[in-house]
Each structure stands twice: as structure tokens, then as C-alpha cells.
Amino acid sequence: MSQIAPQKFDADYVAHLRELLDIAVEQIGPQHRTPATKAKMAETIVRSAADGVTDAHHLMRQAVRAGEDGAA
């Protein structure tokens, strides 16, 4: 089994991803704005960014989709 080296993000890029997360969280229903849902959304953003996705709108759309139903 081959493994891909983990992606490393610098502090500025992490701050950018956090801003995207904050914007995405505001786009889901208030009833779903829990720490668990926010963690799920953050994981979605980080995984996509690690896979090479750089488009901010795409990253936010994926996070919003992940958070729409809460952290089931």
C-alpha cells in the first residue's frame, strides 16, 4: 500500500482556511452550528485542500454541504 506524504500548510494558509470555515458556518442553519458540526466542516475543508483544491468558493460549498444536516 502506498502512502502520500501529508500536506503541510503554512500559518497564513491555515488562517485563510479558518476564514473560509467561519463564512461557511454562517451559511448553515443556527440549529446546526455546534462544535461537532464545525469540526466536521473543518475536516471537509482541510481534506479537500490537502487533495489540492484551492478554489475558496468550492471549499466553502463542500463545507456547507457537510454541515447542512449537522454532525450526525
PDB file of N, CA and C in Angstrom:
ATOM      1  N   MET A   1       0.847  -1.171   0.000  1.00  0.00           N
ATOM      2  CA  MET A   1       0.000   0.000   0.000  1.00  0.00           C
ATOM      3  C   MET A   1       0.893   1.234   0.000  1.00  0.00           C
ATOM      4  N   SER A   2       0.648   2.153  -0.929  1.00  0.00           N
ATOM      5  CA  SER A   2       1.444   3.368  -0.965  1.00  0.00           C
ATOM      6  C   SER A   2       0.771   4.462  -0.150  1.00  0.00           C
ATOM      7  N   GLN A   3       1.593   5.339   0.372  1.00  0.00           N
ATOM      8  CA  GLN A   3       1.065   6.447   1.151  1.00  0.00           C
ATOM      9  C   GLN A   3       1.541   7.752   0.541  1.00  0.00           C
ATOM     10  N   ILE A   4       0.681   8.734   0.607  1.00  0.00           N
ATOM     11  CA  ILE A   4       1.020  10.062   0.126  1.00  0.00           C
ATOM     12  C   ILE A   4       1.511  10.861   1.319  1.00  0.00           C
ATOM     13  N   ALA A   5       2.585  11.607   1.114  1.00  0.00           N
ATOM     14  CA  ALA A   5       3.098  12.440   2.203  1.00  0.00           C
ATOM     15  C   ALA A   5       2.027  13.447   2.626  1.00  0.00           C
ATOM     16  N   PRO A   6       1.904  13.694   3.921  1.00  0.00           N
ATOM     17  CA  PRO A   6       0.889  14.642   4.375  1.00  0.00           C
ATOM     18  C   PRO A   6       1.167  16.050   3.836  1.00  0.00           C
ATOM     19  N   GLN A   7       0.101  16.740   3.522  1.00  0.00           N
ATOM     20  CA  GLN A   7       0.204  18.108   3.023  1.00  0.00           C
ATOM     21  C   GLN A   7       0.548  19.023   4.191  1.00  0.00           C
ATOM     22  N   LYS A   8       1.452  19.953   3.967  1.00  0.00           N
ATOM     23  CA  LYS A   8       1.808  20.915   5.007  1.00  0.00           C
ATOM     24  C   LYS A   8       1.309  22.283   4.587  1.00  0.00           C
ATOM     25  N   PHE A   9       0.618  22.949   5.494  1.00  0.00           N
ATOM     26  CA  PHE A   9       0.087  24.276   5.243  1.00  0.00           C
ATOM     27  C   PHE A   9       0.824  25.270   6.122  1.00  0.00           C
ATOM     28  N   ASP A  10       1.180  26.420   5.557  1.00  0.00           N
ATOM     29  CA  ASP A  10       1.808  27.439   6.391  1.00  0.00           C
ATOM     30  C   ASP A  10       0.732  28.171   7.192  1.00  0.00           C
ATOM     31  N   ALA A  11       1.170  28.971   8.147  1.00  0.00           N
ATOM     32  CA  ALA A  11       0.246  29.641   9.065  1.00  0.00           C
ATOM     33  C   ALA A  11      -0.736  30.551   8.328  1.00  0.00           C
ATOM     34  N   ASP A  12      -0.275  31.231   7.291  1.00  0.00           N
ATOM     35  CA  ASP A  12      -1.169  32.118   6.539  1.00  0.00           C
ATOM     36  C   ASP A  12      -2.267  31.331   5.839  1.00  0.00           C
ATOM     37  N   TYR A  13      -1.914  30.175   5.291  1.00  0.00           N
ATOM     38  CA  TYR A  13      -2.923  29.372   4.599  1.00  0.00           C
ATOM     39  C   TYR A  13      -3.917  28.774   5.596  1.00  0.00           C
ATOM     40  N   VAL A  14      -3.443  28.385   6.752  1.00  0.00           N
ATOM     41  CA  VAL A  14      -4.349  27.875   7.793  1.00  0.00           C
ATOM     42  C   VAL A  14      -5.316  28.980   8.213  1.00  0.00           C
ATOM     43  N   ALA A  15      -4.823  30.194   8.359  1.00  0.00           N
ATOM     44  CA  ALA A  15      -5.693  31.318   8.709  1.00  0.00           C
ATOM     45  C   ALA A  15      -6.739  31.544   7.616  1.00  0.00           C
ATOM     46  N   HIS A  16      -6.339  31.416   6.360  1.00  0.00           N
ATOM     47  CA  HIS A  16      -7.264  31.553   5.237  1.00  0.00           C
ATOM     48  C   HIS A  16      -8.348  30.470   5.296  1.00  0.00           C
ATOM     49  N   LEU A  17      -7.945  29.238   5.550  1.00  0.00           N
ATOM     50  CA  LEU A  17      -8.917  28.141   5.642  1.00  0.00           C
ATOM     51  C   LEU A  17      -9.876  28.373   6.809  1.00  0.00           C
ATOM     52  N   ARG A  18      -9.374  28.916   7.899  1.00  0.00           N
ATOM     53  CA  ARG A  18     -10.237  29.203   9.050  1.00  0.00           C
ATOM     54  C   ARG A  18     -11.275  30.277   8.698  1.00  0.00           C
ATOM     55  N   GLU A  19     -10.858  31.281   7.947  1.00  0.00           N
ATOM     56  CA  GLU A  19     -11.808  32.299   7.499  1.00  0.00           C
ATOM     57  C   GLU A  19     -12.896  31.681   6.626  1.00  0.00           C
ATOM     58  N   LEU A  20     -12.499  30.782   5.734  1.00  0.00           N
ATOM     59  CA  LEU A  20     -13.482  30.098   4.895  1.00  0.00           C
ATOM     60  C   LEU A  20     -14.457  29.299   5.742  1.00  0.00           C
ATOM     61  N   LEU A  21     -13.936  28.631   6.760  1.00  0.00           N
ATOM     62  CA  LEU A  21     -14.790  27.856   7.667  1.00  0.00           C
ATOM     63  C   LEU A  21     -15.786  28.772   8.363  1.00  0.00           C
ATOM     64  N   ASP A  22     -15.324  29.898   8.877  1.00  0.00           N
ATOM     65  CA  ASP A  22     -16.221  30.815   9.577  1.00  0.00           C
ATOM     66  C   ASP A  22     -17.332  31.310   8.664  1.00  0.00           C
ATOM     67  N   ILE A  23     -16.998  31.605   7.425  1.00  0.00           N
ATOM     68  CA  ILE A  23     -18.006  32.048   6.456  1.00  0.00           C
ATOM     69  C   ILE A  23     -18.991  30.915   6.170  1.00  0.00           C
ATOM     70  N   ALA A  24     -18.477  29.705   5.994  1.00  0.00           N
ATOM     71  CA  ALA A  24     -19.338  28.550   5.693  1.00  0.00           C
ATOM     72  C   ALA A  24     -20.283  28.257   6.853  1.00  0.00           C
ATOM     73  N   VAL A  25     -19.794  28.352   8.074  1.00  0.00           N
ATOM     74  CA  VAL A  25     -20.634  28.068   9.249  1.00  0.00           C
ATOM     75  C   VAL A  25     -21.820  29.032   9.299  1.00  0.00           C
ATOM     76  N   GLU A  26     -21.605  30.268   8.905  1.00  0.00           N
ATOM     77  CA  GLU A  26     -22.700  31.242   8.919  1.00  0.00           C
ATOM     78  C   GLU A  26     -23.762  30.938   7.867  1.00  0.00           C
ATOM     79  N   GLN A  27     -23.461  30.063   6.937  1.00  0.00           N
ATOM     80  CA  GLN A  27     -24.402  29.738   5.869  1.00  0.00           C
ATOM     81  C   GLN A  27     -25.265  28.518   6.181  1.00  0.00           C
ATOM     82  N   ILE A  28     -25.058  27.897   7.318  1.00  0.00           N
ATOM     83  CA  ILE A  28     -25.910  26.762   7.704  1.00  0.00           C
ATOM     84  C   ILE A  28     -26.902  27.234   8.761  1.00  0.00           C
ATOM     85  N   GLY A  29     -27.926  26.434   8.974  1.00  0.00           N
ATOM     86  CA  GLY A  29     -28.948  26.784   9.954  1.00  0.00           C
ATOM     87  C   GLY A  29     -28.380  26.896  11.360  1.00  0.00           C
ATOM     88  N   PRO A  30     -28.900  27.836  12.146  1.00  0.00           N
ATOM     89  CA  PRO A  30     -28.405  28.034  13.511  1.00  0.00           C
ATOM     90  C   PRO A  30     -28.474  26.769  14.372  1.00  0.00           C
ATOM     91  N   GLN A  31     -29.456  25.935  14.129  1.00  0.00           N
ATOM     92  CA  GLN A  31     -29.602  24.712  14.916  1.00  0.00           C
ATOM     93  C   GLN A  31     -28.458  23.729  14.678  1.00  0.00           C
ATOM     94  N   HIS A  32     -27.721  23.907  13.577  1.00  0.00           N
ATOM     95  CA  HIS A  32     -26.610  23.008  13.256  1.00  0.00           C
ATOM     96  C   HIS A  32     -25.247  23.600  13.595  1.00  0.00           C
ATOM     97  N   ARG A  33     -25.223  24.796  14.127  1.00  0.00           N
ATOM     98  CA  ARG A  33     -23.950  25.466  14.427  1.00  0.00           C
ATOM     99  C   ARG A  33     -23.398  24.997  15.774  1.00  0.00           C
ATOM    100  N   THR A  34     -23.027  23.741  15.808  1.00  0.00           N
ATOM    101  CA  THR A  34     -22.476  23.143  17.022  1.00  0.00           C
ATOM    102  C   THR A  34     -20.975  22.920  16.830  1.00  0.00           C
ATOM    103  N   PRO A  35     -20.249  22.727  17.915  1.00  0.00           N
ATOM    104  CA  PRO A  35     -18.818  22.436  17.775  1.00  0.00           C
ATOM    105  C   PRO A  35     -18.563  21.185  16.923  1.00  0.00           C
ATOM    106  N   ALA A  36     -19.411  20.178  17.064  1.00  0.00           N
ATOM    107  CA  ALA A  36     -19.221  18.946  16.293  1.00  0.00           C
ATOM    108  C   ALA A  36     -19.423  19.190  14.794  1.00  0.00           C
ATOM    109  N   THR A  37     -20.430  19.974  14.458  1.00  0.00           N
ATOM    110  CA  THR A  37     -20.675  20.280  13.051  1.00  0.00           C
ATOM    111  C   THR A  37     -19.547  21.130  12.490  1.00  0.00           C
ATOM    112  N   LYS A  38     -19.098  22.092  13.271  1.00  0.00           N
ATOM    113  CA  LYS A  38     -17.995  22.942  12.817  1.00  0.00           C
ATOM    114  C   LYS A  38     -16.733  22.098  12.591  1.00  0.00           C
ATOM    115  N   ALA A  39     -16.497  21.126  13.453  1.00  0.00           N
ATOM    116  CA  ALA A  39     -15.347  20.228  13.282  1.00  0.00           C
ATOM    117  C   ALA A  39     -15.490  19.405  12.009  1.00  0.00           C
ATOM    118  N   LYS A  40     -16.697  18.930  11.744  1.00  0.00           N
ATOM    119  CA  LYS A  40     -16.959  18.161  10.517  1.00  0.00           C
ATOM    120  C   LYS A  40     -16.699  19.020   9.285  1.00  0.00           C
ATOM    121  N   MET A  41     -17.131  20.258   9.332  1.00  0.00           N
ATOM    122  CA  MET A  41     -16.932  21.171   8.224  1.00  0.00           C
ATOM    123  C   MET A  41     -15.447  21.498   8.044  1.00  0.00           C
ATOM    124  N   ALA A  42     -14.752  21.704   9.147  1.00  0.00           N
ATOM    125  CA  ALA A  42     -13.311  21.986   9.087  1.00  0.00           C
ATOM    126  C   ALA A  42     -12.563  20.814   8.471  1.00  0.00           C
ATOM    127  N   GLU A  43     -12.936  19.614   8.868  1.00  0.00           N
ATOM    128  CA  GLU A  43     -12.288  18.424   8.308  1.00  0.00           C
ATOM    129  C   GLU A  43     -12.519  18.345   6.800  1.00  0.00           C
ATOM    130  N   THR A  44     -13.722  18.684   6.367  1.00  0.00           N
ATOM    131  CA  THR A  44     -14.037  18.677   4.945  1.00  0.00           C
ATOM    132  C   THR A  44     -13.143  19.656   4.183  1.00  0.00           C
ATOM    133  N   ILE A  45     -12.982  20.850   4.732  1.00  0.00           N
ATOM    134  CA  ILE A  45     -12.146  21.861   4.084  1.00  0.00           C
ATOM    135  C   ILE A  45     -10.695  21.405   4.031  1.00  0.00           C
ATOM    136  N   VAL A  46     -10.178  20.921   5.145  1.00  0.00           N
ATOM    137  CA  VAL A  46      -8.767  20.525   5.202  1.00  0.00           C
ATOM    138  C   VAL A  46      -8.493  19.338   4.279  1.00  0.00           C
ATOM    139  N   ARG A  47      -9.378  18.371   4.262  1.00  0.00           N
ATOM    140  CA  ARG A  47      -9.177  17.220   3.367  1.00  0.00           C
ATOM    141  C   ARG A  47      -9.169  17.656   1.901  1.00  0.00           C
ATOM    142  N   SER A  48     -10.086  18.519   1.549  1.00  0.00           N
ATOM    143  CA  SER A  48     -10.146  18.984   0.160  1.00  0.00           C
ATOM    144  C   SER A  48      -8.905  19.800  -0.186  1.00  0.00           C
ATOM    145  N   ALA A  49      -8.495  20.666   0.718  1.00  0.00           N
ATOM    146  CA  ALA A  49      -7.290  21.469   0.481  1.00  0.00           C
ATOM    147  C   ALA A  49      -6.063  20.572   0.356  1.00  0.00           C
ATOM    148  N   ALA A  50      -6.008  19.540   1.174  1.00  0.00           N
ATOM    149  CA  ALA A  50      -4.881  18.606   1.104  1.00  0.00           C
ATOM    150  C   ALA A  50      -4.887  17.832  -0.213  1.00  0.00           C
ATOM    151  N   ASP A  51      -6.071  17.658  -0.792  1.00  0.00           N
ATOM    152  CA  ASP A  51      -6.181  16.974  -2.088  1.00  0.00           C
ATOM    153  C   ASP A  51      -5.890  17.916  -3.255  1.00  0.00           C
ATOM    154  N   GLY A  52      -5.597  19.170  -2.937  1.00  0.00           N
ATOM    155  CA  GLY A  52      -5.220  20.110  -3.980  1.00  0.00           C
ATOM    156  C   GLY A  52      -6.274  21.110  -4.394  1.00  0.00           C
ATOM    157  N   VAL A  53      -7.448  21.074  -3.772  1.00  0.00           N
ATOM    158  CA  VAL A  53      -8.495  22.044  -4.108  1.00  0.00           C
ATOM    159  C   VAL A  53      -8.074  23.396  -3.534  1.00  0.00           C
ATOM    160  N   THR A  54      -8.053  24.409  -4.378  1.00  0.00           N
ATOM    161  CA  THR A  54      -7.636  25.738  -3.933  1.00  0.00           C
ATOM    162  C   THR A  54      -8.727  26.789  -4.076  1.00  0.00           C
ATOM    163  N   ASP A  55      -9.778  26.487  -4.806  1.00  0.00           N
ATOM    164  CA  ASP A  55     -10.846  27.453  -5.028  1.00  0.00           C
ATOM    165  C   ASP A  55     -11.646  27.664  -3.742  1.00  0.00           C
ATOM    166  N   ALA A  56     -11.637  28.889  -3.229  1.00  0.00           N
ATOM    167  CA  ALA A  56     -12.296  29.197  -1.959  1.00  0.00           C
ATOM    168  C   ALA A  56     -13.791  28.895  -2.002  1.00  0.00           C
ATOM    169  N   HIS A  57     -14.443  29.252  -3.110  1.00  0.00           N
ATOM    170  CA  HIS A  57     -15.886  29.020  -3.214  1.00  0.00           C
ATOM    171  C   HIS A  57     -16.203  27.525  -3.195  1.00  0.00           C
ATOM    172  N   HIS A  58     -15.396  26.749  -3.859  1.00  0.00           N
ATOM    173  CA  HIS A  58     -15.605  25.294  -3.872  1.00  0.00           C
ATOM    174  C   HIS A  58     -15.404  24.719  -2.466  1.00  0.00           C
ATOM    175  N   LEU A  59     -14.363  25.148  -1.780  1.00  0.00           N
ATOM    176  CA  LEU A  59     -14.115  24.662  -0.420  1.00  0.00           C
ATOM    177  C   LEU A  59     -15.277  25.015   0.500  1.00  0.00           C
ATOM    178  N   MET A  60     -15.787  26.231   0.382  1.00  0.00           N
ATOM    179  CA  MET A  60     -16.916  26.627   1.231  1.00  0.00           C
ATOM    180  C   MET A  60     -18.176  25.849   0.889  1.00  0.00           C
ATOM    181  N   ARG A  61     -18.443  25.647  -0.398  1.00  0.00           N
ATOM    182  CA  ARG A  61     -19.634  24.868  -0.794  1.00  0.00           C
ATOM    183  C   ARG A  61     -19.583  23.463  -0.218  1.00  0.00           C
ATOM    184  N   GLN A  62     -18.411  22.836  -0.289  1.00  0.00           N
ATOM    185  CA  GLN A  62     -18.277  21.490   0.271  1.00  0.00           C
ATOM    186  C   GLN A  62     -18.526  21.505   1.777  1.00  0.00           C
ATOM    187  N   ALA A  63     -17.992  22.498   2.448  1.00  0.00           N
ATOM    188  CA  ALA A  63     -18.168  22.593   3.906  1.00  0.00           C
ATOM    189  C   ALA A  63     -19.635  22.826   4.262  1.00  0.00           C
ATOM    190  N   VAL A  64     -20.299  23.695   3.527  1.00  0.00           N
ATOM    191  CA  VAL A  64     -21.719  23.957   3.792  1.00  0.00           C
ATOM    192  C   VAL A  64     -22.527  22.681   3.600  1.00  0.00           C
ATOM    193  N   ARG A  65     -22.259  21.952   2.529  1.00  0.00           N
ATOM    194  CA  ARG A  65     -22.960  20.677   2.315  1.00  0.00           C
ATOM    195  C   ARG A  65     -22.729  19.717   3.468  1.00  0.00           C
ATOM    196  N   ALA A  66     -21.498  19.676   3.955  1.00  0.00           N
ATOM    197  CA  ALA A  66     -21.172  18.774   5.068  1.00  0.00           C
ATOM    198  C   ALA A  66     -21.871  19.180   6.348  1.00  0.00           C
ATOM    199  N   GLY A  67     -22.138  20.477   6.509  1.00  0.00           N
ATOM    200  CA  GLY A  67     -22.736  20.955   7.752  1.00  0.00           C
ATOM    201  C   GLY A  67     -24.233  21.150   7.711  1.00  0.00           C
ATOM    202  N   GLU A  68     -24.855  21.024   6.556  1.00  0.00           N
ATOM    203  CA  GLU A  68     -26.293  21.300   6.434  1.00  0.00           C
ATOM    204  C   GLU A  68     -27.152  20.430   7.336  1.00  0.00           C
ATOM    205  N   ASP A  69     -26.751  19.207   7.566  1.00  0.00           N
ATOM    206  CA  ASP A  69     -27.547  18.296   8.388  1.00  0.00           C
ATOM    207  C   ASP A  69     -26.971  18.101   9.778  1.00  0.00           C
ATOM    208  N   GLY A  70     -26.030  18.938  10.158  1.00  0.00           N
ATOM    209  CA  GLY A  70     -25.410  18.778  11.464  1.00  0.00           C
ATOM    210  C   GLY A  70     -24.359  17.700  11.440  1.00  0.00           C
ATOM    211  N   ALA A  71     -23.902  17.325  12.607  1.00  0.00           N
ATOM    212  CA  ALA A  71     -22.805  16.353  12.725  1.00  0.00           C
ATOM    213  C   ALA A  71     -23.309  14.968  13.066  1.00  0.00           C
ATOM    214  N   ALA A  72     -24.288  14.521  12.357  1.00  0.00           N
ATOM    215  CA  ALA A  72     -24.915  13.220  12.617  1.00  0.00           C
ATOM    216  C   ALA A  72     -23.970  12.117  12.834  1.00  0.00           C
TER     217      ALA A  72
END
